[in-house]
Amino acid sequence: MQIWQRFARVKARQQKIGRVVADLDLLIASTAMVFDWTVATLNHHDFSKIENLKWEDWCL
């Protein structure tokens, strides 16, 4: 699946369940999902809202 296709699906799902996330965060998440990567982030507030995303909280 291409990144933009995944982005569209993730964005639609986020809107459906009422969890608003910035488009750039969704693009990062979609890229990670397509390549099966884990997102390392300081922004756990937004990335934790995205279903099926592997992410790590790098707040120290």
Protein backbone atom coordinates (compact mmCIF):
# COMPACT_ATOMS: atom_id res chain seq x y z
CA MET A 1 0.00 0.00 0.00
CA GLN A 2 1.29 3.44 -0.84
CA ILE A 3 1.84 6.05 1.85
CA TRP A 4 -0.87 8.42 0.61
CA GLN A 5 -3.41 5.60 0.47
CA ARG A 6 -2.60 4.66 4.06
CA PHE A 7 -2.75 8.34 5.04
CA ALA A 8 -6.25 8.64 3.59
CA ARG A 9 -7.45 5.54 5.42
CA VAL A 10 -5.90 6.57 8.73
CA LYS A 11 -7.26 10.11 8.46
CA ALA A 12 -10.76 8.85 7.65
CA ARG A 13 -10.62 6.46 10.61
CA GLN A 14 -9.38 9.20 12.96
CA GLN A 15 -12.22 11.47 11.90
CA LYS A 16 -14.77 8.67 12.27
CA ILE A 17 -13.74 7.93 15.86
CA GLY A 18 -13.35 11.62 16.73
CA ARG A 19 -9.61 11.64 17.39
CA VAL A 20 -8.20 14.66 15.59
CA VAL A 21 -4.49 14.45 14.76
CA ALA A 22 -2.48 16.93 12.68
CA ASP A 23 -1.98 15.93 9.05
CA LEU A 24 1.82 15.97 9.32
CA ASP A 25 1.66 13.59 12.29
CA LEU A 26 -0.66 11.35 10.29
CA LEU A 27 1.76 11.44 7.37
CA ILE A 28 4.63 10.39 9.66
CA ALA A 29 2.46 7.63 11.13
CA SER A 30 1.34 6.45 7.69
CA THR A 31 4.91 6.27 6.45
CA ALA A 32 5.91 4.24 9.51
CA MET A 33 2.98 1.87 9.00
CA VAL A 34 3.76 1.26 5.34
CA PHE A 35 7.40 0.41 6.11
CA ASP A 36 6.64 -1.34 9.42
CA TRP A 37 8.74 1.16 11.38
CA THR A 38 8.41 2.32 14.97
CA VAL A 39 8.01 6.07 15.51
CA ALA A 40 10.27 7.53 18.19
CA THR A 41 8.58 10.68 19.46
CA LEU A 42 8.33 13.30 22.16
CA ASN A 43 4.71 13.81 21.07
CA HIS A 44 3.03 10.88 22.81
CA HIS A 45 -0.19 12.88 23.14
CA ASP A 46 -0.98 12.74 19.42
CA PHE A 47 0.73 9.54 18.30
CA SER A 48 -0.98 7.53 21.04
CA LYS A 49 -4.32 8.39 19.39
CA ILE A 50 -3.44 6.54 16.18
CA GLU A 51 -4.56 2.92 16.04
CA ASN A 52 -2.12 0.20 14.93
CA LEU A 53 0.89 2.53 15.08
CA LYS A 54 4.06 1.28 16.74
CA TRP A 55 5.59 4.16 18.65
CA GLU A 56 7.99 4.81 21.52
CA ASP A 57 7.83 7.70 23.94
CA TRP A 58 11.26 9.34 24.01
CA CYS A 59 10.43 11.83 26.76
CA LEU A 60 13.21 11.52 29.29
